Amino acid sequence: RRDLVRTTRRTEAIVEDAATGVVALDALGRVILVNARAQAVLEGRIEVGERMPRFGGPRGEFVAWVEGCLRDHLREATVEFQLGERRIRVRAREVSRQEPGGIVLSLEDITDELRTERVLAWGEMARQVAHEVKNPLTPIKLSVQHIRRAWKDQKGEFETILDRNVGAIMKEIDRLAEIASGFSRFGAPAAVGEVPLEPVDVDAVARELLTLYRGGEGGPIDFAADIPEDLPRISARETELKEVLSNLLENGRAAIEGDGSVIIEARSVPTAVEIRVRDDGTGIPVDLLGRIFEPQFSTRSTGTGLGLAIVRKLVESWGGMVTVEVDRGEGTVIRLQLRPWTEAERTDGEEPS
């Protein structure tokens, strides 16, 4: 018993001195252990034996997310929160099976890390822009040369050659336009303060998009929605929500090889409306989960790699957050935590009479 006490105290001392914040909760959400770093990061008193405090603002969203992890028995999940000027990454991991339902949280201040990453990312983006633009220019140049050569030779099939090469040129121009649009969309400043937020019906937007996907080329992929009729409207911008969900549906479709399904789920949780886009595709390797929202990062050989970066930028411009989970090793779940629309927002946005 003396050895057990000594080991326990040593473990507690190690956790207390850790540079990372640590919080352990039991299956009922009561705090088992919390170190000083976690207290400092959350800027609030967390008592052992008690539930997590009902913080307001972003800290309240953190508590709601933790409660969701417990409720859904997630084995592992990662999320990032903005607390003032600091960015905090939180990892939740299920406690060993001998104590089902409990979780251990690690809280890491990644503000400086993100600043460095963003500087490097913009440098990489500049290089990638040059690369992406250069690629279509080669077939355009070859097509123009072919047309000029055919014109000089005055071959009888000139019209056919012209038509074929102009078609190839137009295709590459469309590709350039898509590349430019993607980079422009990502680099555009957030619309906060410029375009006001509005109440958005998630169910209506989701079903409009699903109608388009179901009416496309067909195939073995099933697109579905599970959204309650009484779901509160969210505080967002309708056109941007369409873009976000369209990006996620397309990613889910591209991840599926053969038969499969992509489902939009939504529900009301404490302090938020949660939207999940779930697919049963090939999934994302765990070691890549931390990179999927980076601009230019993609697990596919096609596309600009900006889709999820744009998704995160738009969601955060609404005051929400986006996280990714591996669905027990099969498929991927993108989770959006969004603010419900309130009448106070309508009042704030009205012009004085």
Protein backbone atom coordinates (compact mmCIF):
# COMPACT_ATOMS: atom_id res chain seq x y z
CA ARG A 1 0.00 0.00 0.00
CA ARG A 2 2.89 2.34 0.81
CA ASP A 3 4.31 1.77 -2.69
CA LEU A 4 0.91 2.52 -4.22
CA VAL A 5 0.64 5.80 -2.30
CA ARG A 6 4.18 6.74 -3.34
CA THR A 7 3.45 5.94 -6.99
CA THR A 8 0.18 7.89 -6.90
CA ARG A 9 1.85 10.96 -5.41
CA ARG A 10 4.67 10.77 -7.94
CA THR A 11 2.16 10.56 -10.81
CA GLU A 12 0.21 13.52 -9.44
CA ALA A 13 3.43 15.54 -9.13
CA ILE A 14 4.37 14.77 -12.74
CA VAL A 15 0.92 15.81 -13.97
CA GLU A 16 0.99 18.97 -11.85
CA ASP A 17 4.33 20.05 -13.31
CA ALA A 18 3.39 19.22 -16.91
CA ALA A 19 3.60 22.05 -19.45
CA THR A 20 0.30 20.86 -20.90
CA GLY A 21 -3.00 21.35 -19.10
CA VAL A 22 -4.53 18.07 -17.92
CA VAL A 23 -8.10 17.40 -16.76
CA ALA A 24 -9.51 13.94 -16.01
CA LEU A 25 -13.27 13.36 -15.75
CA ASP A 26 -15.27 10.33 -14.69
CA ALA A 27 -18.26 8.94 -16.61
CA LEU A 28 -20.60 11.45 -14.92
CA GLY A 29 -18.46 14.42 -15.88
CA ARG A 30 -17.00 14.98 -12.41
CA VAL A 31 -13.41 16.20 -12.20
CA ILE A 32 -11.00 13.54 -10.93
CA LEU A 33 -7.79 15.44 -11.53
CA VAL A 34 -6.80 18.89 -12.78
CA ASN A 35 -3.38 20.53 -12.87
CA ALA A 36 -2.37 24.15 -12.49
CA ARG A 37 -1.71 24.60 -16.20
CA ALA A 38 -5.30 23.64 -17.06
CA GLN A 39 -6.61 26.09 -14.45
CA ALA A 40 -4.48 28.84 -15.99
CA VAL A 41 -5.51 28.07 -19.58
CA LEU A 42 -9.23 28.08 -18.73
CA GLU A 43 -8.87 31.09 -16.41
CA GLY A 44 -11.35 29.68 -13.94
CA ARG A 45 -11.48 27.60 -10.80
CA ILE A 46 -12.10 23.91 -11.45
CA GLU A 47 -12.77 21.85 -8.33
CA VAL A 48 -11.94 18.16 -7.99
CA GLY A 49 -15.10 16.17 -7.29
CA GLU A 50 -17.32 18.74 -9.01
CA ARG A 51 -18.60 19.04 -12.58
CA MET A 52 -16.97 21.47 -14.98
CA PRO A 53 -18.14 25.05 -14.25
CA ARG A 54 -20.73 26.69 -16.50
CA PHE A 55 -18.41 29.16 -18.14
CA GLY A 56 -19.67 31.72 -20.61
CA GLY A 57 -18.39 32.47 -24.11
CA PRO A 58 -15.75 30.22 -25.71
CA ARG A 59 -15.06 28.47 -22.40
CA GLY A 60 -18.74 27.53 -22.29
CA GLU A 61 -18.40 26.04 -25.78
CA PHE A 62 -15.42 24.04 -24.47
CA VAL A 63 -17.52 22.59 -21.64
CA ALA A 64 -20.35 21.74 -24.07
CA TRP A 65 -17.85 19.96 -26.32
CA VAL A 66 -16.48 17.96 -23.37
CA GLU A 67 -20.00 16.93 -22.38
CA GLY A 68 -20.61 15.83 -25.97
CA CYS A 69 -17.47 13.66 -25.91
CA LEU A 70 -18.69 11.96 -22.73
CA ARG A 71 -22.21 11.51 -24.05
CA ASP A 72 -21.06 10.02 -27.35
CA HIS A 73 -18.35 7.83 -25.77
CA LEU A 74 -15.74 9.07 -28.23
CA ARG A 75 -12.48 7.16 -28.06
CA GLU A 76 -10.48 10.14 -29.24
CA ALA A 77 -11.26 13.65 -30.49
CA THR A 78 -9.43 16.92 -31.03
CA VAL A 79 -10.75 20.48 -31.18
CA GLU A 80 -9.36 24.01 -31.11
CA PHE A 81 -10.80 27.00 -29.26
CA GLN A 82 -10.05 30.70 -29.44
CA LEU A 83 -9.76 32.11 -25.90
CA GLY A 84 -9.10 35.81 -26.27
CA GLU A 85 -5.90 36.15 -28.29
CA ARG A 86 -4.81 32.57 -27.59
CA ARG A 87 -5.58 29.43 -29.56
CA ILE A 88 -6.00 26.29 -27.46
CA ARG A 89 -5.92 22.73 -28.80
CA VAL A 90 -7.82 20.21 -26.70
CA ARG A 91 -7.46 16.46 -27.07
CA ALA A 92 -9.95 14.11 -25.44
CA ARG A 93 -9.13 10.45 -24.99
CA GLU A 94 -11.37 7.81 -23.46
CA VAL A 95 -10.11 6.30 -20.22
CA SER A 96 -9.19 2.59 -20.22
CA ARG A 97 -12.03 0.12 -20.63
CA GLN A 98 -11.92 -0.73 -16.92
CA GLU A 99 -13.55 2.67 -16.37
CA PRO A 100 -15.81 3.15 -19.42
CA GLY A 101 -17.08 6.61 -20.19
CA GLY A 102 -14.43 8.69 -18.43
CA ILE A 103 -12.05 10.89 -20.42
CA VAL A 104 -8.71 12.60 -20.05
CA LEU A 105 -8.30 16.06 -21.59
CA SER A 106 -5.02 17.68 -22.57
CA LEU A 107 -4.99 21.44 -23.21
CA GLU A 108 -2.16 22.98 -25.21
CA ASP A 109 -1.60 26.64 -26.07
CA ILE A 110 -0.69 26.57 -29.77
CA THR A 111 -0.83 30.32 -30.48
CA ASP A 112 2.88 30.71 -31.30
CA GLU A 113 2.94 27.44 -33.21
CA LEU A 114 0.05 28.61 -35.42
CA ARG A 115 1.72 31.94 -36.14
CA THR A 116 4.80 30.13 -37.38
CA GLU A 117 2.72 27.65 -39.37
CA ARG A 118 0.77 30.46 -41.06
CA VAL A 119 3.93 32.24 -42.17
CA LEU A 120 5.23 28.98 -43.64
CA ALA A 121 1.81 28.18 -45.13
CA TRP A 122 1.64 31.49 -47.01
CA GLY A 123 5.12 30.89 -48.38
CA GLU A 124 4.10 27.41 -49.49
CA MET A 125 0.90 28.82 -50.98
CA ALA A 126 2.86 31.31 -53.09
CA ARG A 127 4.96 28.46 -54.43
CA GLN A 128 1.85 26.36 -55.05
CA VAL A 129 0.06 29.20 -56.87
CA ALA A 130 2.97 29.44 -59.30
CA HIS A 131 2.95 25.67 -59.77
CA GLU A 132 -0.83 25.39 -60.24
CA VAL A 133 -0.96 28.27 -62.73
CA LYS A 134 2.03 26.98 -64.67
CA ASN A 135 0.51 23.52 -65.25
CA PRO A 136 -2.40 24.62 -67.52
CA LEU A 137 -0.16 27.02 -69.46
CA THR A 138 1.78 24.17 -71.07
CA PRO A 139 -1.21 22.54 -72.86
CA ILE A 140 -2.50 26.01 -73.82
CA LYS A 141 0.86 26.84 -75.43
CA LEU A 142 1.00 23.49 -77.24
CA SER A 143 -2.55 23.92 -78.56
CA VAL A 144 -1.80 27.41 -79.89
CA GLN A 145 1.36 26.14 -81.57
CA HIS A 146 -0.63 23.31 -83.15
CA ILE A 147 -3.21 25.78 -84.52
CA ARG A 148 -0.50 28.06 -85.93
CA ARG A 149 1.29 25.14 -87.57
CA ALA A 150 -1.94 23.84 -89.10
CA TRP A 151 -2.77 27.34 -90.41
CA LYS A 152 0.64 27.70 -92.04
CA ASP A 153 0.38 24.25 -93.62
CA GLN A 154 -3.17 25.03 -94.87
CA LYS A 155 -4.26 21.48 -94.20
CA GLY A 156 -7.76 20.52 -95.25
CA GLU A 157 -8.69 19.43 -91.74
CA PHE A 158 -7.83 22.85 -90.27
CA GLU A 159 -11.35 23.44 -88.94
CA THR A 160 -11.27 20.13 -87.09
CA ILE A 161 -7.84 20.90 -85.64
CA LEU A 162 -9.00 24.40 -84.68
CA ASP A 163 -12.14 23.12 -82.98
CA ARG A 164 -10.29 20.41 -81.05
CA ASN A 165 -7.52 22.71 -79.84
CA VAL A 166 -9.83 25.60 -78.95
CA GLY A 167 -11.81 23.11 -76.85
CA ALA A 168 -8.60 22.06 -75.08
CA ILE A 169 -7.66 25.70 -74.50
CA MET A 170 -11.10 26.52 -73.06
CA LYS A 171 -10.84 23.54 -70.72
CA GLU A 172 -7.50 24.76 -69.38
CA ILE A 173 -8.83 28.31 -69.04
CA ASP A 174 -11.71 26.96 -66.94
CA ARG A 175 -9.14 25.14 -64.84
CA LEU A 176 -7.20 28.38 -64.34
CA ALA A 177 -10.41 30.15 -63.34
CA GLU A 178 -11.15 27.43 -60.77
CA ILE A 179 -7.66 27.73 -59.32
CA ALA A 180 -7.90 31.53 -59.15
CA SER A 181 -11.35 31.35 -57.56
CA GLY A 182 -10.15 28.94 -54.89
CA PHE A 183 -7.13 31.02 -53.92
CA SER A 184 -9.16 34.23 -54.03
CA ARG A 185 -11.85 32.71 -51.81
CA PHE A 186 -9.32 31.54 -49.28
CA GLY A 187 -7.39 34.81 -49.25
CA ALA A 188 -10.48 37.04 -48.98
CA PRO A 189 -10.90 38.80 -45.64
CA ALA A 190 -13.56 37.44 -43.32
CA ALA A 191 -16.96 38.99 -43.89
CA VAL A 192 -17.52 39.69 -40.20
CA GLY A 193 -18.66 43.28 -39.83
CA GLU A 194 -19.16 43.63 -43.59
CA VAL A 195 -21.97 41.18 -44.32
CA PRO A 196 -24.25 40.70 -41.31
CA LEU A 197 -25.10 37.27 -40.00
CA GLU A 198 -28.63 36.03 -40.53
CA PRO A 199 -30.90 33.24 -39.26
CA VAL A 200 -30.30 30.20 -41.47
CA ASP A 201 -32.49 27.10 -41.73
CA VAL A 202 -30.04 24.18 -41.74
CA ASP A 203 -32.66 21.64 -42.83
CA ALA A 204 -33.71 23.69 -45.88
CA VAL A 205 -30.12 24.25 -47.02
CA ALA A 206 -29.15 20.60 -46.49
CA ARG A 207 -32.15 19.24 -48.38
CA GLU A 208 -31.61 21.63 -51.29
CA LEU A 209 -28.04 20.37 -51.66
CA LEU A 210 -29.00 16.72 -51.24
CA THR A 211 -31.57 17.08 -54.02
CA LEU A 212 -28.77 18.18 -56.34
CA TYR A 213 -26.44 15.37 -55.31
CA ARG A 214 -29.15 12.71 -55.61
CA GLY A 215 -30.11 14.03 -59.03
CA GLY A 216 -26.58 13.97 -60.39
CA GLU A 217 -24.86 11.16 -62.22
CA GLY A 218 -26.35 8.54 -59.92
CA GLY A 219 -24.23 5.69 -58.63
CA PRO A 220 -23.88 3.60 -55.52
CA ILE A 221 -23.51 6.47 -53.01
CA ASP A 222 -26.51 7.28 -50.83
CA PHE A 223 -26.91 10.90 -49.71
CA ALA A 224 -29.17 11.37 -46.68
CA ALA A 225 -30.08 13.78 -43.88
CA ASP A 226 -31.09 13.30 -40.25
CA ILE A 227 -32.26 16.70 -39.05
CA PRO A 228 -35.07 17.28 -36.52
CA GLU A 229 -37.92 19.57 -37.56
CA ASP A 230 -37.54 21.74 -34.45
CA LEU A 231 -33.82 22.41 -34.93
CA PRO A 232 -33.07 26.06 -34.09
CA ARG A 233 -31.89 28.26 -36.92
CA ILE A 234 -28.19 29.08 -36.81
CA SER A 235 -26.36 32.40 -36.90
CA ALA A 236 -24.53 32.30 -40.23
CA ARG A 237 -24.87 33.33 -43.88
CA GLU A 238 -27.01 31.09 -46.09
CA THR A 239 -24.83 31.23 -49.20
CA GLU A 240 -21.76 30.41 -47.11
CA LEU A 241 -23.47 27.50 -45.36
CA LYS A 242 -24.28 26.10 -48.81
CA GLU A 243 -20.62 26.40 -49.73
CA VAL A 244 -19.51 24.72 -46.50
CA LEU A 245 -21.90 21.77 -46.80
CA SER A 246 -21.22 21.41 -50.52
CA ASN A 247 -17.49 21.15 -49.81
CA LEU A 248 -18.09 18.52 -47.13
CA LEU A 249 -20.50 16.50 -49.28
CA GLU A 250 -18.01 16.52 -52.14
CA ASN A 251 -15.18 15.42 -49.86
CA GLY A 252 -17.35 12.60 -48.51
CA ARG A 253 -18.31 11.49 -52.02
CA ALA A 254 -14.69 11.51 -53.17
CA ALA A 255 -13.59 9.44 -50.16
CA ILE A 256 -15.94 6.54 -50.98
CA GLU A 257 -14.80 3.75 -53.25
CA GLY A 258 -17.82 1.80 -54.49
CA ASP A 259 -20.96 1.64 -52.33
CA GLY A 260 -21.31 4.00 -49.39
CA SER A 261 -23.23 6.84 -47.81
CA VAL A 262 -22.79 10.49 -46.88
CA ILE A 263 -25.12 11.74 -44.15
CA ILE A 264 -25.78 15.25 -42.84
CA GLU A 265 -26.84 15.04 -39.18
CA ALA A 266 -27.84 17.94 -36.97
CA ARG A 267 -29.02 18.41 -33.41
CA SER A 268 -29.27 20.98 -30.68
CA VAL A 269 -26.69 20.69 -27.89
CA PRO A 270 -26.04 22.97 -24.91
CA THR A 271 -25.11 26.47 -26.18
CA ALA A 272 -24.86 25.35 -29.82
CA VAL A 273 -26.32 23.68 -32.89
CA GLU A 274 -24.17 20.77 -33.99
CA ILE A 275 -23.95 19.64 -37.62
CA ARG A 276 -22.10 16.48 -38.57
CA VAL A 277 -21.26 15.36 -42.07
CA ARG A 278 -20.46 11.67 -41.86
CA ASP A 279 -19.15 9.37 -44.58
CA ASP A 280 -18.10 5.73 -44.57
CA GLY A 281 -15.24 6.22 -46.99
CA THR A 282 -11.58 5.35 -46.68
CA GLY A 283 -11.06 7.62 -43.68
CA ILE A 284 -8.09 9.82 -42.81
CA PRO A 285 -4.88 8.47 -41.23
CA VAL A 286 -4.68 9.61 -37.60
CA ASP A 287 -1.25 11.17 -38.15
CA LEU A 288 -2.76 13.49 -40.78
CA LEU A 289 -5.79 14.69 -38.79
CA GLY A 290 -3.96 17.75 -37.51
CA ARG A 291 -3.18 18.95 -41.05
CA ILE A 292 -6.42 18.58 -42.99
CA PHE A 293 -7.49 22.21 -42.44
CA GLU A 294 -4.19 23.56 -43.74
CA PRO A 295 -4.35 25.36 -47.11
CA GLN A 296 -2.99 23.22 -49.94
CA PHE A 297 -3.14 20.00 -47.90
CA SER A 298 -5.08 17.17 -49.50
CA THR A 299 -5.18 13.39 -49.28
CA ARG A 300 -6.29 13.29 -52.93
CA SER A 301 -4.29 13.78 -56.10
CA THR A 302 -6.88 16.17 -57.60
CA GLY A 303 -8.32 19.49 -56.44
CA THR A 304 -6.72 22.63 -55.00
CA GLY A 305 -6.57 21.41 -51.39
CA LEU A 306 -8.40 24.55 -50.22
CA GLY A 307 -11.85 23.09 -49.52
CA LEU A 308 -11.50 22.38 -45.80
CA ALA A 309 -9.37 25.49 -45.24
CA ILE A 310 -12.25 27.55 -46.66
CA VAL A 311 -14.75 25.59 -44.55
CA ARG A 312 -12.88 26.43 -41.35
CA LYS A 313 -12.46 30.07 -42.33
CA LEU A 314 -16.18 30.52 -43.03
CA VAL A 315 -17.33 28.66 -39.91
CA GLU A 316 -15.00 30.68 -37.69
CA SER A 317 -16.24 33.91 -39.30
CA TRP A 318 -19.69 33.00 -37.93
CA GLY A 319 -18.27 32.48 -34.44
CA GLY A 320 -18.39 28.68 -34.75
CA MET A 321 -15.80 25.94 -34.85
CA VAL A 322 -15.08 22.86 -36.91
CA THR A 323 -13.39 19.61 -35.88
CA VAL A 324 -12.70 16.25 -37.47
CA GLU A 325 -13.05 12.78 -36.02
CA VAL A 326 -12.21 9.33 -37.26
CA ASP A 327 -15.43 7.35 -36.91
CA ARG A 328 -14.02 4.35 -35.04
CA GLY A 329 -11.59 3.66 -37.84
CA GLU A 330 -14.20 3.71 -40.62
CA GLY A 331 -14.95 6.88 -42.49
CA THR A 332 -14.75 10.47 -41.33
CA VAL A 333 -16.98 12.82 -39.35
CA ILE A 334 -16.67 16.60 -39.76
CA ARG A 335 -18.37 18.30 -36.82
CA LEU A 336 -19.53 21.92 -36.91
CA GLN A 337 -20.44 23.67 -33.65
CA LEU A 338 -22.50 26.76 -34.54
CA ARG A 339 -24.27 29.44 -32.56
CA PRO A 340 -28.08 29.37 -32.60
CA TRP A 341 -29.73 32.55 -33.85
CA THR A 342 -31.17 34.77 -31.12
CA GLU A 343 -33.51 37.74 -31.23
CA ALA A 344 -30.73 39.77 -29.61
CA GLU A 345 -28.72 39.40 -32.81
CA ARG A 346 -31.67 40.64 -34.85
CA THR A 347 -31.94 43.69 -32.59
CA ASP A 348 -28.20 44.38 -32.77
CA GLY A 349 -28.28 44.26 -36.56
CA GLU A 350 -31.25 46.63 -36.99
CA GLU A 351 -30.73 50.20 -38.07
CA PRO A 352 -31.81 52.77 -35.51
CA SER A 353 -35.10 54.41 -36.41
